[in-house]
Amino acid sequence: MATKHVDGNPPKTAPKTRKAVRAKKAAIRKDSAEEMTSKADLIRKVAGIIRAKGEKPRPSEIVKILKEEGVTVAPAQVSMTLKAAGYRPLRKRRTGTRATTSAQAKKTNLKQNANGGRASQISMDDLLAAKSVSGAFGGTDKAIAVLQALKQFES
């Protein structure tokens, strides 16, 4: 007659050696890793192969290769994965302050050109005259303020 433990289950077998347990876990991990390869991993793998050939990895090529393997991926997913993996350079975009500054510069250029184009063609004589005027008013800031007030009176 078999003896039963307090919980009602049959007695367990003796624990296995550490080496055997580790080997079994490693075998399980190896099998599951081969079965559970993500689409991103496959994309990176194919991109690495294409780059090793000396070609530039293109999303359309990668989609076609993976489709032959039976994996469906979207070109946008491939593009994002390649960008995250460093295969594609990040676009350099202007910051918000630069974009607004250039837009304002374009507007002022249009206004200057509407005034006969004279404002965009400043000569050395004009600069010397402006320097003497700013000296007379005690600095460029005060001279600019006076000229702006004068412009308001004109309009």
N, C-alpha and C. Protein backbone atom coordinates (compact mmCIF):
# COMPACT_ATOMS: atom_id res chain seq x y z
N MET A 1 0.81 -1.17 0.00
CA MET A 1 0.00 0.00 0.00
C MET A 1 0.87 1.25 0.00
N ALA A 2 0.50 2.20 -0.85
CA ALA A 2 1.29 3.40 -0.97
C ALA A 2 0.90 4.37 0.14
N THR A 3 1.91 5.01 0.66
CA THR A 3 1.63 5.98 1.71
C THR A 3 1.27 7.32 1.09
N LYS A 4 0.37 8.02 1.74
CA LYS A 4 -0.06 9.32 1.24
C LYS A 4 0.41 10.41 2.18
N HIS A 5 0.66 11.57 1.59
CA HIS A 5 1.06 12.72 2.40
C HIS A 5 -0.17 13.34 3.01
N VAL A 6 0.06 14.34 3.79
CA VAL A 6 -1.02 15.02 4.47
C VAL A 6 -1.99 15.66 3.48
N ASP A 7 -1.48 16.21 2.38
CA ASP A 7 -2.34 16.89 1.41
C ASP A 7 -3.06 15.92 0.49
N GLY A 8 -2.79 14.64 0.59
CA GLY A 8 -3.49 13.64 -0.19
C GLY A 8 -2.80 13.27 -1.48
N ASN A 9 -1.70 13.91 -1.84
CA ASN A 9 -0.97 13.61 -3.06
C ASN A 9 0.09 12.54 -2.79
N PRO A 10 0.45 11.78 -3.81
CA PRO A 10 1.51 10.79 -3.62
C PRO A 10 2.84 11.50 -3.39
N PRO A 11 3.78 10.86 -2.75
CA PRO A 11 5.07 11.52 -2.49
C PRO A 11 5.80 11.84 -3.80
N LYS A 12 6.51 12.97 -3.79
CA LYS A 12 7.24 13.42 -4.97
C LYS A 12 8.55 12.66 -5.06
N THR A 13 9.08 12.65 -6.30
CA THR A 13 10.37 11.98 -6.49
C THR A 13 11.47 12.89 -5.99
N ALA A 14 12.61 12.35 -5.83
CA ALA A 14 13.76 13.11 -5.31
C ALA A 14 14.12 14.22 -6.30
N PRO A 15 14.54 15.36 -5.80
CA PRO A 15 14.88 16.46 -6.69
C PRO A 15 16.05 16.10 -7.60
N LYS A 16 16.01 16.61 -8.82
CA LYS A 16 17.07 16.33 -9.79
C LYS A 16 18.27 17.22 -9.50
N THR A 17 19.36 16.87 -10.11
CA THR A 17 20.56 17.68 -9.92
C THR A 17 20.39 19.02 -10.62
N ARG A 18 21.15 20.00 -10.17
CA ARG A 18 21.05 21.34 -10.75
C ARG A 18 21.40 21.32 -12.23
N LYS A 19 22.38 20.55 -12.59
CA LYS A 19 22.82 20.48 -13.97
C LYS A 19 21.70 19.99 -14.88
N ALA A 20 20.99 18.98 -14.44
CA ALA A 20 19.91 18.43 -15.25
C ALA A 20 18.77 19.44 -15.39
N VAL A 21 18.45 20.15 -14.31
CA VAL A 21 17.37 21.13 -14.34
C VAL A 21 17.73 22.28 -15.29
N ARG A 22 18.98 22.75 -15.20
CA ARG A 22 19.42 23.84 -16.08
C ARG A 22 19.40 23.41 -17.54
N ALA A 23 19.83 22.20 -17.82
CA ALA A 23 19.85 21.71 -19.19
C ALA A 23 18.44 21.63 -19.75
N LYS A 24 17.50 21.17 -18.92
CA LYS A 24 16.12 21.06 -19.37
C LYS A 24 15.53 22.44 -19.65
N LYS A 25 15.79 23.41 -18.75
CA LYS A 25 15.28 24.76 -18.95
C LYS A 25 15.89 25.41 -20.19
N ALA A 26 17.17 25.17 -20.43
CA ALA A 26 17.83 25.73 -21.60
C ALA A 26 17.22 25.16 -22.88
N ALA A 27 16.91 23.88 -22.88
CA ALA A 27 16.30 23.25 -24.06
C ALA A 27 14.91 23.83 -24.31
N ILE A 28 14.15 24.07 -23.25
CA ILE A 28 12.82 24.66 -23.39
C ILE A 28 12.94 26.07 -23.94
N ARG A 29 13.91 26.87 -23.39
CA ARG A 29 14.10 28.24 -23.86
C ARG A 29 14.51 28.26 -25.33
N LYS A 30 15.37 27.33 -25.74
CA LYS A 30 15.84 27.28 -27.12
C LYS A 30 14.68 26.99 -28.07
N ASP A 31 13.84 26.03 -27.72
CA ASP A 31 12.70 25.69 -28.57
C ASP A 31 11.72 26.85 -28.65
N SER A 32 11.42 27.47 -27.52
CA SER A 32 10.43 28.54 -27.53
C SER A 32 10.98 29.78 -28.24
N ALA A 33 12.29 30.01 -28.19
CA ALA A 33 12.86 31.17 -28.86
C ALA A 33 12.76 31.01 -30.37
N GLU A 34 12.94 29.80 -30.86
CA GLU A 34 12.84 29.58 -32.29
C GLU A 34 11.41 29.73 -32.77
N GLU A 35 10.46 29.31 -31.96
CA GLU A 35 9.06 29.40 -32.34
C GLU A 35 8.52 30.81 -32.19
N MET A 36 9.01 31.57 -31.22
CA MET A 36 8.44 32.87 -30.89
C MET A 36 9.30 34.02 -31.38
N THR A 37 9.77 33.99 -32.60
CA THR A 37 10.52 35.10 -33.16
C THR A 37 9.53 36.17 -33.58
N SER A 38 9.77 37.38 -33.12
CA SER A 38 8.83 38.46 -33.45
C SER A 38 9.06 38.96 -34.87
N LYS A 39 8.07 39.68 -35.37
CA LYS A 39 8.19 40.23 -36.72
C LYS A 39 9.33 41.25 -36.78
N ALA A 40 9.49 42.02 -35.72
CA ALA A 40 10.56 43.01 -35.68
C ALA A 40 11.93 42.33 -35.76
N ASP A 41 12.07 41.20 -35.05
CA ASP A 41 13.33 40.46 -35.12
C ASP A 41 13.59 39.95 -36.53
N LEU A 42 12.55 39.46 -37.18
CA LEU A 42 12.70 38.98 -38.55
C LEU A 42 13.08 40.13 -39.49
N ILE A 43 12.46 41.29 -39.29
CA ILE A 43 12.77 42.45 -40.12
C ILE A 43 14.23 42.85 -39.96
N ARG A 44 14.69 42.90 -38.69
CA ARG A 44 16.09 43.25 -38.44
C ARG A 44 17.05 42.22 -39.03
N LYS A 45 16.67 40.96 -38.94
CA LYS A 45 17.51 39.90 -39.48
C LYS A 45 17.65 40.02 -40.99
N VAL A 46 16.53 40.22 -41.69
CA VAL A 46 16.55 40.35 -43.15
C VAL A 46 17.31 41.62 -43.54
N ALA A 47 17.11 42.71 -42.80
CA ALA A 47 17.81 43.96 -43.10
C ALA A 47 19.32 43.78 -42.94
N GLY A 48 19.73 43.03 -41.93
CA GLY A 48 21.14 42.76 -41.73
C GLY A 48 21.74 41.96 -42.87
N ILE A 49 20.97 41.00 -43.39
CA ILE A 49 21.44 40.19 -44.51
C ILE A 49 21.58 41.07 -45.76
N ILE A 50 20.59 41.92 -45.99
CA ILE A 50 20.63 42.80 -47.16
C ILE A 50 21.81 43.77 -47.06
N ARG A 51 22.02 44.31 -45.87
CA ARG A 51 23.13 45.24 -45.69
C ARG A 51 24.48 44.53 -45.84
N ALA A 52 24.54 43.27 -45.41
CA ALA A 52 25.79 42.50 -45.56
C ALA A 52 26.14 42.30 -47.03
N LYS A 53 25.12 42.26 -47.88
CA LYS A 53 25.36 42.15 -49.32
C LYS A 53 25.85 43.46 -49.91
N GLY A 54 25.78 44.54 -49.14
CA GLY A 54 26.22 45.83 -49.62
C GLY A 54 25.10 46.66 -50.22
N GLU A 55 23.85 46.23 -50.05
CA GLU A 55 22.71 46.96 -50.59
C GLU A 55 22.02 47.73 -49.46
N LYS A 56 21.19 48.68 -49.84
CA LYS A 56 20.42 49.44 -48.87
C LYS A 56 19.11 48.71 -48.60
N PRO A 57 18.81 48.40 -47.33
CA PRO A 57 17.56 47.68 -47.05
C PRO A 57 16.34 48.56 -47.30
N ARG A 58 15.50 48.15 -48.23
CA ARG A 58 14.28 48.88 -48.58
C ARG A 58 13.08 48.13 -48.00
N PRO A 59 12.09 48.86 -47.47
CA PRO A 59 10.91 48.20 -46.90
C PRO A 59 10.18 47.29 -47.88
N SER A 60 10.08 47.70 -49.14
CA SER A 60 9.36 46.88 -50.11
C SER A 60 10.07 45.55 -50.35
N GLU A 61 11.42 45.58 -50.37
CA GLU A 61 12.17 44.34 -50.54
C GLU A 61 11.97 43.41 -49.35
N ILE A 62 12.02 44.00 -48.16
CA ILE A 62 11.89 43.19 -46.93
C ILE A 62 10.50 42.59 -46.84
N VAL A 63 9.46 43.36 -47.21
CA VAL A 63 8.09 42.83 -47.20
C VAL A 63 7.98 41.66 -48.16
N LYS A 64 8.59 41.79 -49.34
CA LYS A 64 8.52 40.73 -50.34
C LYS A 64 9.23 39.46 -49.84
N ILE A 65 10.40 39.62 -49.23
CA ILE A 65 11.16 38.47 -48.73
C ILE A 65 10.40 37.77 -47.60
N LEU A 66 9.84 38.56 -46.68
CA LEU A 66 9.11 37.96 -45.56
C LEU A 66 7.80 37.33 -46.02
N LYS A 67 7.20 37.86 -47.07
CA LYS A 67 5.97 37.27 -47.60
C LYS A 67 6.25 35.88 -48.16
N GLU A 68 7.43 35.73 -48.80
CA GLU A 68 7.82 34.41 -49.30
C GLU A 68 8.01 33.41 -48.16
N GLU A 69 8.42 33.92 -46.99
CA GLU A 69 8.61 33.07 -45.81
C GLU A 69 7.29 32.79 -45.08
N GLY A 70 6.23 33.49 -45.49
CA GLY A 70 4.92 33.27 -44.87
C GLY A 70 4.61 34.23 -43.75
N VAL A 71 5.35 35.32 -43.64
CA VAL A 71 5.12 36.32 -42.61
C VAL A 71 4.60 37.58 -43.29
N THR A 72 3.45 38.06 -42.84
CA THR A 72 2.89 39.27 -43.43
C THR A 72 3.21 40.46 -42.54
N VAL A 73 3.86 41.46 -43.12
CA VAL A 73 4.18 42.70 -42.42
C VAL A 73 3.83 43.86 -43.33
N ALA A 74 3.54 44.99 -42.72
CA ALA A 74 3.22 46.19 -43.48
C ALA A 74 4.50 46.98 -43.75
N PRO A 75 4.57 47.64 -44.90
CA PRO A 75 5.76 48.45 -45.18
C PRO A 75 6.03 49.53 -44.13
N ALA A 76 4.97 50.09 -43.55
CA ALA A 76 5.15 51.11 -42.51
C ALA A 76 5.81 50.50 -41.28
N GLN A 77 5.43 49.27 -40.95
CA GLN A 77 6.04 48.59 -39.80
C GLN A 77 7.52 48.34 -40.07
N VAL A 78 7.83 47.96 -41.29
CA VAL A 78 9.23 47.71 -41.65
C VAL A 78 10.02 49.01 -41.56
N SER A 79 9.45 50.09 -42.06
CA SER A 79 10.12 51.38 -42.05
C SER A 79 10.41 51.83 -40.62
N MET A 80 9.42 51.72 -39.74
CA MET A 80 9.60 52.13 -38.35
C MET A 80 10.63 51.26 -37.64
N THR A 81 10.61 49.96 -37.92
CA THR A 81 11.57 49.06 -37.29
C THR A 81 12.99 49.37 -37.77
N LEU A 82 13.14 49.65 -39.06
CA LEU A 82 14.46 49.99 -39.59
C LEU A 82 14.97 51.30 -38.98
N LYS A 83 14.07 52.26 -38.81
CA LYS A 83 14.47 53.54 -38.22
C LYS A 83 14.88 53.35 -36.76
N ALA A 84 14.13 52.53 -36.03
CA ALA A 84 14.45 52.29 -34.62
C ALA A 84 15.76 51.51 -34.48
N ALA A 85 16.04 50.64 -35.46
CA ALA A 85 17.25 49.84 -35.40
C ALA A 85 18.47 50.61 -35.89
N GLY A 86 18.27 51.80 -36.44
CA GLY A 86 19.39 52.62 -36.87
C GLY A 86 19.79 52.42 -38.31
N TYR A 87 18.96 51.74 -39.10
CA TYR A 87 19.27 51.54 -40.50
C TYR A 87 18.95 52.77 -41.34
N ARG A 88 18.07 53.62 -40.84
CA ARG A 88 17.69 54.81 -41.59
C ARG A 88 18.01 56.03 -40.74
N PRO A 89 18.53 57.09 -41.35
CA PRO A 89 18.83 58.30 -40.58
C PRO A 89 17.56 59.01 -40.18
N LEU A 90 17.60 59.64 -39.04
CA LEU A 90 16.47 60.44 -38.60
C LEU A 90 16.47 61.74 -39.39
N ARG A 91 15.32 62.20 -39.75
CA ARG A 91 15.21 63.44 -40.52
C ARG A 91 15.54 64.62 -39.62
N LYS A 92 16.29 65.55 -40.15
CA LYS A 92 16.60 66.76 -39.40
C LYS A 92 15.54 67.79 -39.74
N ARG A 93 14.77 68.14 -38.76
CA ARG A 93 13.69 69.10 -38.97
C ARG A 93 13.99 70.38 -38.23
N ARG A 94 13.42 71.44 -38.72
CA ARG A 94 13.62 72.72 -38.07
C ARG A 94 12.84 72.77 -36.77
N THR A 95 13.40 73.47 -35.82
CA THR A 95 12.67 73.67 -34.58
C THR A 95 11.62 74.75 -34.81
N GLY A 96 10.70 74.90 -33.90
CA GLY A 96 9.60 75.84 -34.06
C GLY A 96 10.06 77.28 -34.18
N THR A 97 11.10 77.67 -33.45
CA THR A 97 11.54 79.07 -33.49
C THR A 97 12.17 79.40 -34.83
N ARG A 98 12.91 78.49 -35.40
CA ARG A 98 13.54 78.76 -36.69
C ARG A 98 12.50 78.86 -37.79
N ALA A 99 11.50 78.00 -37.73
CA ALA A 99 10.47 78.01 -38.77
C ALA A 99 9.70 79.33 -38.75
N THR A 100 9.36 79.81 -37.57
CA THR A 100 8.61 81.06 -37.50
C THR A 100 9.51 82.23 -37.89
N THR A 101 10.77 82.18 -37.55
CA THR A 101 11.68 83.26 -37.90
C THR A 101 11.83 83.36 -39.41
N SER A 102 11.97 82.21 -40.08
CA SER A 102 12.13 82.25 -41.54
C SER A 102 10.84 82.71 -42.21
N ALA A 103 9.70 82.36 -41.65
CA ALA A 103 8.43 82.82 -42.22
C ALA A 103 8.30 84.33 -42.07
N GLN A 104 8.73 84.86 -40.93
CA GLN A 104 8.68 86.30 -40.72
C GLN A 104 9.65 87.01 -41.66
N ALA A 105 10.81 86.42 -41.88
CA ALA A 105 11.80 87.03 -42.78
C ALA A 105 11.24 87.09 -44.21
N LYS A 106 10.53 86.04 -44.63
CA LYS A 106 9.94 86.05 -45.96
C LYS A 106 8.90 87.16 -46.08
N LYS A 107 8.09 87.36 -45.03
CA LYS A 107 7.08 88.41 -45.06
C LYS A 107 7.72 89.78 -45.16
N THR A 108 8.79 90.02 -44.40
CA THR A 108 9.44 91.33 -44.44
C THR A 108 10.11 91.55 -45.79
N ASN A 109 10.66 90.49 -46.38
CA ASN A 109 11.26 90.64 -47.71
C ASN A 109 10.20 91.01 -48.74
N LEU A 110 9.01 90.41 -48.62
CA LEU A 110 7.94 90.75 -49.55
C LEU A 110 7.53 92.20 -49.39
N LYS A 111 7.44 92.68 -48.15
CA LYS A 111 7.08 94.07 -47.90
C LYS A 111 8.14 95.00 -48.45
N GLN A 112 9.41 94.64 -48.27
CA GLN A 112 10.50 95.50 -48.74
C GLN A 112 10.50 95.56 -50.26
N ASN A 113 10.25 94.43 -50.91
CA ASN A 113 10.23 94.41 -52.36
C ASN A 113 9.03 95.20 -52.89
N ALA A 114 7.94 95.23 -52.12
CA ALA A 114 6.76 96.00 -52.54
C ALA A 114 7.05 97.50 -52.49
N ASN A 115 8.01 97.90 -51.64
CA ASN A 115 8.37 99.31 -51.52
C ASN A 115 9.45 99.71 -52.52
N GLY A 116 9.53 99.07 -53.62
CA GLY A 116 10.50 99.43 -54.64
C GLY A 116 11.82 98.70 -54.51
N GLY A 117 11.99 97.83 -53.54
CA GLY A 117 13.21 97.07 -53.39
C GLY A 117 14.34 97.87 -52.77
N ARG A 118 14.10 99.11 -52.41
CA ARG A 118 15.16 99.97 -51.87
C ARG A 118 15.61 99.48 -50.50
N ALA A 119 14.71 98.92 -49.68
CA ALA A 119 15.06 98.50 -48.32
C ALA A 119 16.02 97.33 -48.33
N SER A 120 16.00 96.51 -49.35
CA SER A 120 16.89 95.36 -49.39
C SER A 120 18.26 95.75 -49.93
N GLN A 121 18.41 96.98 -50.48
CA GLN A 121 19.69 97.43 -51.02
C GLN A 121 20.20 98.59 -50.16
N ILE A 122 20.88 98.25 -49.09
CA ILE A 122 21.40 99.27 -48.18
C ILE A 122 22.86 99.51 -48.54
N SER A 123 23.21 100.76 -48.76
CA SER A 123 24.59 101.09 -49.13
C SER A 123 25.39 101.48 -47.89
N MET A 124 26.67 101.67 -48.08
CA MET A 124 27.53 102.09 -46.97
C MET A 124 27.17 103.50 -46.51
N ASP A 125 26.78 104.34 -47.46
CA ASP A 125 26.37 105.70 -47.10
C ASP A 125 25.16 105.68 -46.18
N ASP A 126 24.21 104.76 -46.47
CA ASP A 126 23.02 104.63 -45.61
C ASP A 126 23.42 104.19 -44.21
N LEU A 127 24.34 103.25 -44.12
CA LEU A 127 24.78 102.78 -42.80
C LEU A 127 25.49 103.88 -42.02
N LEU A 128 26.31 104.66 -42.69
CA LEU A 128 27.01 105.76 -42.01
C LEU A 128 26.02 106.82 -41.53
N ALA A 129 25.01 107.11 -42.34
CA ALA A 129 23.99 108.09 -41.94
C ALA A 129 23.20 107.56 -40.74
N ALA A 130 22.87 106.25 -40.75
CA ALA A 130 22.14 105.66 -39.63
C ALA A 130 22.97 105.67 -38.36
N LYS A 131 24.28 105.51 -38.51
CA LYS A 131 25.16 105.54 -37.34
C LYS A 131 25.18 106.94 -36.73
N SER A 132 25.24 107.95 -37.57
CA SER A 132 25.26 109.32 -37.04
C SER A 132 23.93 109.67 -36.38
N VAL A 133 22.80 109.19 -36.96
CA VAL A 133 21.48 109.44 -36.37
C VAL A 133 21.37 108.73 -35.02
N SER A 134 21.83 107.48 -34.94
CA SER A 134 21.74 106.74 -33.67
C SER A 134 22.62 107.39 -32.62
N GLY A 135 23.77 107.94 -33.05
CA GLY A 135 24.64 108.65 -32.10
C GLY A 135 23.97 109.91 -31.59
N ALA A 136 23.21 110.57 -32.45
CA ALA A 136 22.52 111.80 -32.05
C ALA A 136 21.42 111.51 -31.03
N PHE A 137 20.78 110.34 -31.13
CA PHE A 137 19.71 109.99 -30.19
C PHE A 137 20.22 109.25 -28.96
N GLY A 138 21.49 108.95 -28.89
CA GLY A 138 22.05 108.30 -27.71
C GLY A 138 22.02 106.79 -27.78
N GLY A 139 21.95 106.21 -28.94
CA GLY A 139 22.00 104.76 -29.09
C GLY A 139 21.00 104.25 -30.11
N THR A 140 21.23 103.04 -30.57
CA THR A 140 20.38 102.49 -31.64
C THR A 140 18.97 102.17 -31.14
N ASP A 141 18.87 101.73 -29.88
CA ASP A 141 17.54 101.38 -29.36
C ASP A 141 16.62 102.60 -29.33
N LYS A 142 17.17 103.72 -28.85
CA LYS A 142 16.35 104.94 -28.78
C LYS A 142 16.05 105.45 -30.19
N ALA A 143 17.00 105.35 -31.10
CA ALA A 143 16.78 105.79 -32.48
C ALA A 143 15.69 104.95 -33.14
N ILE A 144 15.71 103.66 -32.91
CA ILE A 144 14.68 102.78 -33.48
C ILE A 144 13.31 103.14 -32.92
N ALA A 145 13.25 103.39 -31.60
CA ALA A 145 11.98 103.76 -30.98
C ALA A 145 11.44 105.06 -31.58
N VAL A 146 12.31 106.03 -31.81
CA VAL A 146 11.88 107.31 -32.38
C VAL A 146 11.39 107.11 -33.82
N LEU A 147 12.11 106.28 -34.59
CA LEU A 147 11.70 106.03 -35.97
C LEU A 147 10.36 105.29 -36.04
N GLN A 148 10.13 104.37 -35.10
CA GLN A 148 8.84 103.67 -35.07
C GLN A 148 7.71 104.62 -34.73
N ALA A 149 7.97 105.56 -33.79
CA ALA A 149 6.95 106.54 -33.45
C ALA A 149 6.66 107.44 -34.65
N LEU A 150 7.71 107.79 -35.39
CA LEU A 150 7.54 108.60 -36.59
C LEU A 150 6.72 107.88 -37.65
N LYS A 151 6.96 106.60 -37.76
CA LYS A 151 6.21 105.80 -38.74
C LYS A 151 4.73 105.75 -38.37
N GLN A 152 4.42 105.68 -37.06
CA GLN A 152 3.03 105.67 -36.63
C GLN A 152 2.34 106.99 -36.97
N PHE A 153 3.04 108.10 -36.84
CA PHE A 153 2.47 109.41 -37.17
C PHE A 153 2.21 109.53 -38.66
N GLU A 154 3.05 108.88 -39.47
CA GLU A 154 2.88 108.97 -40.92
C GLU A 154 1.64 108.23 -41.38
N SER A 155 1.33 107.17 -40.73
CA SER A 155 0.19 106.36 -41.20
C SER A 155 -1.11 106.73 -40.56
